[in-house]
Protein backbone atom coordinates (compact mmCIF):
# COMPACT_ATOMS: atom_id res chain seq x y z
CA MET A 1 -50.46 -24.60 -3.79
CA ASN A 2 -51.20 -27.68 -1.69
CA LEU A 3 -51.95 -30.60 -4.00
CA SER A 4 -54.90 -31.95 -1.93
CA TYR A 5 -56.52 -28.56 -1.71
CA TYR A 6 -55.95 -27.88 -5.47
CA ILE A 7 -57.65 -31.13 -6.49
CA ALA A 8 -60.39 -30.69 -3.94
CA LYS A 9 -61.15 -27.30 -5.31
CA ARG A 10 -61.29 -28.64 -8.84
CA TYR A 11 -63.67 -31.45 -7.84
CA ALA A 12 -65.88 -29.07 -5.90
CA VAL A 13 -66.38 -26.51 -8.68
CA SER A 14 -66.37 -28.83 -11.69
CA PHE A 15 -69.12 -31.16 -12.85
CA SER A 16 -68.87 -34.86 -13.17
CA LYS A 17 -69.63 -36.78 -16.31
CA ASN A 18 -72.22 -38.61 -14.28
CA LYS A 19 -75.34 -36.44 -14.17
CA ALA A 20 -76.72 -38.36 -11.20
CA ILE A 21 -73.73 -37.41 -9.09
CA ASN A 22 -74.07 -33.77 -10.22
CA ILE A 23 -77.76 -33.85 -9.14
CA ILE A 24 -76.93 -35.46 -5.74
CA THR A 25 -74.10 -32.93 -5.10
CA GLY A 26 -76.42 -30.04 -6.11
CA ILE A 27 -79.15 -31.28 -3.74
CA ALA A 28 -76.74 -31.52 -0.92
CA SER A 29 -75.43 -28.04 -1.58
CA VAL A 30 -78.96 -26.59 -1.71
CA GLY A 31 -79.79 -28.47 1.50
CA ILE A 32 -76.90 -26.91 3.29
CA ILE A 33 -77.95 -23.46 2.12
CA ALA A 34 -81.57 -24.10 3.13
CA SER A 35 -80.72 -25.63 6.53
CA THR A 36 -78.37 -22.76 7.30
CA MET A 37 -81.08 -20.26 6.48
CA ALA A 38 -83.61 -22.23 8.51
CA LEU A 39 -81.40 -22.45 11.61
CA PHE A 40 -80.54 -18.71 11.54
CA VAL A 41 -84.17 -17.66 10.81
CA PHE A 42 -85.55 -19.91 13.54
CA LEU A 43 -83.07 -18.52 16.08
CA SER A 44 -83.69 -14.90 15.07
CA VAL A 45 -87.53 -15.45 15.21
CA PHE A 46 -87.24 -16.88 18.72
CA SER A 47 -84.89 -14.05 19.81
CA GLY A 48 -87.63 -11.63 18.68
CA LEU A 49 -90.32 -13.52 20.41
CA LYS A 50 -88.15 -13.68 23.57
CA GLU A 51 -87.57 -9.93 23.51
CA PHE A 52 -91.29 -9.34 22.91
CA SER A 53 -92.17 -11.54 25.94
CA LEU A 54 -89.58 -9.97 28.19
CA ASN A 55 -90.74 -6.46 27.35
CA PHE A 56 -93.91 -7.09 29.46
CA ALA A 57 -91.70 -8.06 32.43
CA ASN A 58 -89.39 -5.15 31.89
CA ALA A 59 -92.43 -2.79 31.92
CA SER A 60 -93.57 -3.94 35.33
CA ASP A 61 -90.44 -5.16 37.10
CA PRO A 62 -87.58 -3.03 38.57
CA ASP A 63 -83.91 -3.72 38.01
CA LEU A 64 -83.66 -5.04 41.60
CA ARG A 65 -86.23 -5.87 44.21
CA VAL A 66 -85.39 -6.21 47.93
CA GLU A 67 -87.51 -8.43 50.13
CA THR A 68 -87.13 -9.66 53.63
CA SER A 69 -85.96 -13.24 54.25
CA ALA A 70 -87.95 -13.36 57.52
CA GLY A 71 -91.65 -12.67 57.47
CA LYS A 72 -93.52 -10.33 55.19
CA THR A 73 -92.44 -6.87 56.12
CA PHE A 74 -89.34 -4.96 57.29
CA PHE A 75 -88.56 -1.40 58.35
CA LEU A 76 -86.55 1.13 56.37
CA ASN A 77 -85.33 3.85 58.63
CA PRO A 78 -84.26 7.43 57.63
CA ILE A 79 -80.55 6.66 58.03
CA GLU A 80 -80.83 3.76 55.51
CA GLU A 81 -82.87 5.85 53.14
CA GLU A 82 -80.10 8.50 53.27
CA GLN A 83 -77.52 5.92 52.46
CA LEU A 84 -79.55 4.67 49.51
CA LYS A 85 -79.73 8.26 48.14
CA LYS A 86 -76.00 8.58 48.37
CA SER A 87 -75.40 5.26 46.58
CA HIS A 88 -73.07 5.33 43.52
CA TYR A 89 -75.11 2.48 41.90
CA ILE A 90 -78.82 3.39 42.65
CA ASN A 91 -80.52 5.85 40.50
CA SER A 92 -83.90 5.75 42.33
CA TYR A 93 -85.82 3.51 44.67
CA SER A 94 -89.44 3.12 45.73
CA LYS A 95 -91.03 1.81 48.87
CA ILE A 96 -93.68 -0.79 48.21
CA ILE A 97 -96.48 -2.49 50.21
CA GLU A 98 -97.91 -5.53 48.48
CA GLU A 99 -100.59 -7.88 49.71
CA ARG A 100 -103.18 -10.21 48.29
CA VAL A 101 -106.67 -9.01 49.33
CA TYR A 102 -110.36 -9.49 48.54
CA PHE A 103 -112.14 -6.97 46.38
CA MET A 104 -115.89 -6.38 45.98
CA TYR A 105 -117.79 -4.04 43.58
CA ASP A 106 -121.50 -4.05 42.84
CA SER A 107 -121.94 -7.73 44.08
CA LYS A 108 -118.95 -8.86 41.96
CA GLU A 109 -115.82 -10.11 43.75
CA LEU A 110 -112.28 -11.31 43.14
CA PHE A 111 -108.85 -11.73 44.75
CA ALA A 112 -106.07 -9.54 43.59
CA TYR A 113 -102.90 -7.81 44.87
CA ILE A 114 -103.14 -4.31 46.35
CA LYS A 115 -99.90 -2.49 45.73
CA GLY A 116 -99.15 0.61 47.71
CA ILE A 117 -96.54 2.88 46.01
CA ASP A 118 -94.81 6.20 46.81
CA ASN A 119 -94.38 9.00 44.37
CA ARG A 120 -90.94 7.67 43.20
CA PHE A 121 -92.48 4.44 41.78
CA ILE A 122 -92.93 5.82 38.25
CA GLN A 123 -89.23 6.78 38.28
CA VAL A 124 -88.26 3.24 38.95
CA THR A 125 -90.51 1.35 36.35
CA ASN A 126 -92.23 3.93 34.16
CA PHE A 127 -95.38 1.87 34.86
CA ASN A 128 -97.67 4.88 34.25
CA LYS A 129 -96.78 4.69 30.52
CA ASN A 130 -99.02 1.63 30.37
CA LEU A 131 -102.04 3.68 31.42
CA TYR A 132 -104.62 3.61 28.66
CA ALA A 133 -107.59 5.25 30.40
CA GLY A 134 -107.94 7.86 33.12
CA GLU A 135 -105.09 9.26 35.15
CA TRP A 136 -102.34 8.12 37.49
CA LEU A 137 -103.02 8.25 41.19
CA GLU A 138 -101.82 11.00 43.50
CA ALA A 139 -100.17 10.57 46.92
CA ASN A 140 -102.45 10.38 49.99
CA SER A 141 -105.57 10.06 47.79
CA GLU A 142 -108.07 7.15 47.82
CA ASN A 143 -107.84 6.94 44.08
CA VAL A 144 -106.47 3.68 42.62
CA VAL A 145 -105.28 2.40 39.27
CA VAL A 146 -106.60 -1.05 38.25
CA GLY A 147 -105.68 -3.60 35.64
CA ALA A 148 -107.83 -3.84 32.56
CA ASP A 149 -108.87 -7.47 33.34
CA ILE A 150 -109.84 -6.47 36.88
CA SER A 151 -111.87 -3.52 35.54
CA ARG A 152 -113.62 -5.86 33.08
CA LYS A 153 -114.47 -8.60 35.61
CA LEU A 154 -115.83 -6.16 38.16
CA GLY A 155 -117.44 -3.73 35.71
CA LEU A 156 -115.54 -0.76 37.16
CA GLY A 157 -115.98 2.73 35.92
CA LEU A 158 -113.61 5.65 36.52
CA PHE A 159 -114.23 8.58 38.89
CA ASP A 160 -117.42 6.96 40.26
CA TYR A 161 -117.44 8.49 43.79
CA ASN A 162 -120.97 7.24 44.54
CA ASN A 163 -119.98 3.62 44.28
CA GLY A 164 -116.47 2.76 45.41
CA LEU A 165 -114.42 -0.41 45.16
CA GLU A 166 -114.37 -2.20 48.54
CA ALA A 167 -111.19 -3.97 49.76
CA PHE A 168 -111.00 -6.44 52.58
CA ALA A 169 -107.85 -7.77 54.33
CA PRO A 170 -107.67 -9.98 57.52
CA LYS A 171 -106.57 -7.96 60.62
CA PRO A 172 -103.27 -9.15 62.05
CA GLY A 173 -103.41 -10.75 65.43
CA ILE A 174 -103.90 -14.00 67.32
CA GLY A 175 -106.83 -15.73 69.08
CA ASP A 176 -110.33 -16.62 68.09
CA ILE A 177 -112.60 -14.39 66.03
CA GLU A 178 -115.73 -13.49 67.96
CA ASN A 179 -117.28 -10.98 65.54
CA PRO A 180 -116.68 -11.79 61.81
CA ASN A 181 -117.40 -8.12 60.95
CA GLU A 182 -114.40 -7.05 63.03
CA ALA A 183 -112.02 -9.62 61.58
CA PHE A 184 -111.20 -7.59 58.46
CA ASN A 185 -109.69 -4.24 57.65
CA LYS A 186 -111.81 -2.43 55.14
CA ALA A 187 -111.08 0.29 52.61
CA LEU A 188 -113.21 2.11 50.12
CA LEU A 189 -111.27 2.94 46.95
CA PHE A 190 -112.14 4.89 43.79
CA PRO A 191 -110.58 3.89 40.44
CA SER A 192 -109.06 6.83 38.55
CA GLY A 193 -107.14 4.92 35.93
CA ILE A 194 -106.86 1.59 34.11
CA TYR A 195 -103.51 0.08 32.87
CA SER A 196 -103.06 -2.69 30.23
CA ILE A 197 -99.90 -4.70 29.69
CA ASN A 198 -100.82 -8.38 29.33
CA GLU A 199 -103.48 -10.80 30.63
CA GLU A 200 -101.52 -11.91 33.64
CA LEU A 201 -100.57 -8.43 34.90
CA ASP A 202 -103.91 -6.90 34.03
CA SER A 203 -105.58 -9.27 36.48
CA LYS A 204 -103.03 -8.90 39.25
CA TYR A 205 -102.71 -5.42 40.63
CA VAL A 206 -104.72 -2.58 42.14
CA PHE A 207 -102.32 0.37 42.67
CA CYS A 208 -102.94 2.78 45.55
CA SER A 209 -100.80 5.26 47.53
CA ILE A 210 -98.53 3.77 50.11
CA GLU A 211 -100.18 5.78 52.88
CA VAL A 212 -103.54 4.17 52.02
CA ALA A 213 -102.02 0.73 51.88
CA GLN A 214 -100.29 1.28 55.32
CA HIS A 215 -103.55 2.35 56.96
CA PHE A 216 -105.59 -0.36 55.30
CA LEU A 217 -103.17 -3.25 56.24
CA GLY A 218 -102.45 -1.88 59.67
CA LEU A 219 -98.73 -1.35 59.10
CA LYS A 220 -96.53 1.22 60.90
CA ASP A 221 -94.59 4.09 59.32
CA ASN A 222 -91.57 3.01 57.27
CA GLU A 223 -92.87 -0.65 57.39
CA ILE A 224 -92.82 -2.11 53.87
CA THR A 225 -92.93 -5.37 52.08
CA ASN A 226 -90.35 -4.68 49.48
CA LEU A 227 -88.05 -2.04 47.95
CA GLU A 228 -87.91 -1.64 44.15
CA ILE A 229 -84.72 -0.17 42.82
CA LYS A 230 -83.63 1.34 39.43
CA LEU A 231 -79.92 1.17 38.94
CA LYS A 232 -77.81 3.82 37.26
CA PRO A 233 -76.79 3.26 33.60
CA ASN A 234 -73.93 0.70 33.34
CA ALA A 235 -74.05 0.15 37.06
CA ASP A 236 -72.35 -3.10 38.23
CA GLU A 237 -75.23 -5.25 39.64
CA THR A 238 -72.91 -7.36 41.79
CA LYS A 239 -71.45 -4.22 43.53
CA ALA A 240 -75.00 -2.85 43.89
CA ARG A 241 -76.12 -6.06 45.62
CA ALA A 242 -73.11 -5.89 48.00
CA GLU A 243 -73.85 -2.29 48.77
CA LEU A 244 -77.59 -3.05 49.53
CA ALA A 245 -76.63 -5.87 51.82
CA GLN A 246 -74.26 -3.55 53.67
CA ILE A 247 -76.92 -0.87 54.07
CA LEU A 248 -79.96 -3.04 54.79
CA GLY A 249 -78.29 -6.04 56.62
CA LYS A 250 -78.14 -9.70 55.87
CA SER A 251 -81.82 -10.54 56.47
CA ILE A 252 -82.84 -9.45 52.96
CA LYS A 253 -83.30 -11.14 49.58
CA ILE A 254 -82.26 -9.32 46.46
CA LYS A 255 -83.78 -10.40 43.11
CA ASN A 256 -83.16 -9.12 39.60
CA ARG A 257 -85.58 -9.33 36.63
CA ALA A 258 -84.54 -12.85 35.69
CA GLN A 259 -85.04 -14.06 39.26
CA LEU A 260 -88.40 -12.28 39.57
CA ASN A 261 -89.56 -14.03 36.35
CA ASP A 262 -87.78 -17.36 36.95
CA SER A 263 -90.39 -19.61 35.41
CA LEU A 264 -90.68 -17.39 32.35
CA TYR A 265 -86.91 -17.31 31.79
CA LYS A 266 -86.75 -21.14 32.24
CA MET A 267 -89.53 -21.62 29.81
CA LEU A 268 -87.89 -19.38 27.19
CA GLN A 269 -84.57 -21.16 27.63
CA SER A 270 -86.19 -24.50 27.21
CA GLU A 271 -88.01 -23.42 24.07
CA ASN A 272 -84.76 -21.90 22.74
CA LEU A 273 -82.98 -25.24 23.29
CA PHE A 274 -85.80 -27.16 21.61
CA ILE A 275 -85.73 -24.97 18.55
CA TYR A 276 -81.95 -25.22 18.29
CA LEU A 277 -81.99 -29.03 18.61
CA PHE A 278 -84.79 -29.40 16.11
CA SER A 279 -83.02 -27.09 13.56
CA THR A 280 -79.76 -28.91 14.16
CA LEU A 281 -81.42 -32.28 13.35
CA VAL A 282 -82.35 -30.90 9.96
CA VAL A 283 -78.71 -29.74 9.44
CA ILE A 284 -77.45 -33.12 10.42
CA LEU A 285 -79.65 -34.87 7.93
CA THR A 286 -78.56 -32.41 5.19
CA LEU A 287 -74.91 -32.81 5.91
CA PHE A 288 -75.09 -36.58 5.91
CA CYS A 289 -76.65 -36.20 2.40
CA LEU A 290 -73.40 -34.34 1.61
CA ALA A 291 -71.44 -37.25 3.01
CA GLY A 292 -73.31 -39.59 0.72
CA ALA A 293 -72.60 -37.29 -2.28
CA ILE A 294 -68.84 -37.32 -1.43
CA VAL A 295 -68.81 -41.08 -1.23
CA MET A 296 -70.46 -41.23 -4.75
CA ILE A 297 -67.78 -38.80 -6.01
CA ILE A 298 -65.08 -41.09 -4.57
CA ILE A 299 -66.58 -44.07 -6.44
CA ASP A 300 -66.87 -42.03 -9.64
CA LYS A 301 -63.30 -40.83 -9.39
CA ARG A 302 -61.89 -44.31 -8.68
CA ASP A 303 -59.78 -44.52 -11.87
CA ASN A 304 -58.26 -41.03 -11.21
CA LEU A 305 -57.51 -41.99 -7.59
CA LYS A 306 -55.69 -45.19 -8.72
CA THR A 307 -53.48 -42.99 -10.98
CA LEU A 308 -52.73 -40.56 -8.13
CA TYR A 309 -51.94 -43.45 -5.78
CA ASN A 310 -49.64 -45.12 -8.39
CA ILE A 311 -47.65 -41.87 -8.91
CA GLY A 312 -46.93 -41.59 -5.16
CA VAL A 313 -49.75 -39.68 -3.62
CA THR A 314 -50.47 -41.22 -0.18
CA GLN A 315 -53.77 -42.57 1.03
CA THR A 316 -53.90 -39.90 3.65
CA SER A 317 -53.48 -37.16 1.01
CA ILE A 318 -56.26 -38.66 -1.04
CA ARG A 319 -58.55 -38.74 1.98
CA THR A 320 -57.61 -35.07 2.58
CA ILE A 321 -58.77 -34.25 -1.00
CA PHE A 322 -62.34 -35.36 -0.18
CA PHE A 323 -62.35 -34.04 3.29
CA THR A 324 -61.36 -30.61 2.01
CA GLN A 325 -63.98 -30.87 -0.74
CA GLY A 326 -66.59 -31.48 1.88
CA ILE A 327 -65.45 -28.46 3.88
CA ILE A 328 -65.46 -26.31 0.68
CA ILE A 329 -69.07 -27.27 -0.16
CA THR A 330 -70.13 -26.77 3.51
CA SER A 331 -68.44 -23.36 3.66
CA PHE A 332 -70.05 -22.26 0.38
CA GLY A 333 -73.50 -23.31 1.60
CA LEU A 334 -72.93 -21.71 5.02
CA VAL A 335 -71.91 -18.33 3.62
CA LEU A 336 -74.63 -18.21 0.95
CA GLY A 337 -77.38 -19.43 3.33
CA LEU A 338 -76.30 -16.98 6.05
CA VAL A 339 -76.26 -14.04 3.72
CA LEU A 340 -79.72 -14.89 2.47
CA ALA A 341 -81.10 -15.44 6.04
CA ILE A 342 -79.61 -12.22 7.37
CA GLY A 343 -81.17 -10.37 4.43
CA ILE A 344 -84.65 -11.89 5.31
CA ILE A 345 -84.30 -11.01 9.00
CA LEU A 346 -83.17 -7.39 8.34
CA LEU A 347 -86.00 -6.81 5.76
CA GLN A 348 -88.54 -8.08 8.24
CA GLN A 349 -86.96 -6.09 11.04
CA HIS A 350 -87.05 -2.84 9.06
CA PHE A 351 -89.94 -3.15 6.69
CA SER A 352 -92.30 -5.62 8.56
CA PHE A 353 -93.47 -7.70 5.57
CA ILE A 354 -95.03 -10.32 7.84
CA MET A 355 -97.67 -9.14 10.27
CA ILE A 356 -99.38 -10.90 13.18
CA THR A 357 -102.14 -8.32 13.25
CA PRO A 358 -102.64 -5.28 11.04
CA THR A 359 -100.59 -3.15 13.53
CA MET A 360 -98.22 -5.71 14.95
CA PRO A 361 -95.32 -7.09 12.88
CA TYR A 362 -93.96 -10.58 13.50
CA PRO A 363 -91.06 -10.04 15.95
CA VAL A 364 -87.57 -10.95 14.83
CA LEU A 365 -84.24 -9.87 16.11
CA PHE A 366 -80.84 -9.85 14.51
CA GLU A 367 -78.15 -10.88 17.01
CA TRP A 368 -74.48 -11.60 16.40
CA LYS A 369 -74.60 -14.53 18.82
CA ASN A 370 -77.01 -16.30 16.47
CA ILE A 371 -74.44 -15.97 13.69
CA ALA A 372 -71.80 -17.45 15.91
CA ILE A 373 -74.17 -20.34 16.81
CA VAL A 374 -75.00 -21.08 13.23
CA VAL A 375 -71.39 -20.92 11.96
CA THR A 376 -70.10 -23.14 14.81
CA THR A 377 -72.90 -25.67 14.32
CA ILE A 378 -72.52 -25.97 10.52
CA ILE A 379 -68.71 -26.09 10.56
CA ILE A 380 -68.64 -28.80 13.28
CA LEU A 381 -71.19 -30.91 11.58
CA GLY A 382 -69.63 -30.37 8.16
CA PHE A 383 -66.24 -31.36 9.59
CA ILE A 384 -67.73 -34.56 11.01
CA SER A 385 -69.66 -35.61 7.82
CA SER A 386 -66.71 -34.81 5.62
CA TRP A 387 -64.40 -36.81 7.87
CA ILE A 388 -66.75 -39.80 7.74
CA ALA A 389 -67.08 -39.63 4.01
CA SER A 390 -63.38 -39.24 3.40
CA GLY A 391 -62.79 -42.24 5.66
CA THR A 392 -64.16 -44.53 2.98
CA VAL A 393 -61.00 -44.13 1.07
CA ASN A 394 -58.90 -47.29 1.58
CA LYS A 395 -56.44 -49.46 -0.15
CA LYS A 396 -59.23 -51.70 -1.62
CA LEU A 397 -60.21 -48.72 -3.73
CA PHE A 398 -56.84 -48.75 -5.55
CA LYS A 399 -56.86 -52.37 -6.54
């Protein structure tokens, strides 16, 4: 057995005659365990919150959305549709017309987006699963599905055919407006369902059939604002993008979920980085307590070190003893802290001991990448602190 490792192991597992050093070493070890647990728990909690937040986006956004890079609308001809149906990467697609318009109901008014959809829309996003009242709309009908916040603000009821929801959109064209009453396209719509996802989405959309939207906004057949696409399981997104560009031409923009929610993803990444840096600061403070404990052990073992030096053990080997001791203590704290933290996360994930509301458990998510992050962080910082502490061994110590 390597001499430095043997002595380091003895120093790590045995108690010193000096009780103060034992207490300092114990505090450092407990600190490593606690900081390891904190780092992993924080990362797992954030992973759970991130998944919880992105579930809302996944409920409303397709795998890919195609938009035009010139203007608001583009045409999708029958030949292109046939090619999309034969695609090896596309499971389903839906033609969409989306525009911000003015709504009025019973003297109440607001701006929101009218979203014309075809009958394949619910195959692309399963949006109808978020319907909590009424029923989903049918093709070619004047029925609409509105967000819960829109329904609340306008005081909308369902299936009220005596008092419809009025929608107004500016008529396309150029020149001066002579008669304000003829400047807007108008539509009378009748809510048949209410959806609820989150506050932002609940105040954003009024869904109608694509035929109603085309007529209301004065668009031609096959003229759409975007194309929403659901990819086949395990489909290569890069190849799907290339195929779409080949079918639809170069004057299109293709966005995935991350690009559709760019600000949300950036916010979540920034929060994740902040949590990691904050937790790492705690780990750094703890591990430098370990460095201080090792320095105290070096001073306490000074007589023994003189003996080792006099019998031929080199200064480098003695430094290696305390460097190895630091790594052993760090590894012990890492393993024990990680086991305890994993246990806490798995218990919360499966048994929901901590609740946000009586029906909603606090979201956590066990991920292997978080284990890798914790192990890498603790080992690197433990290596640095042990190296700094062992560096205090010099020739003055042996005089």
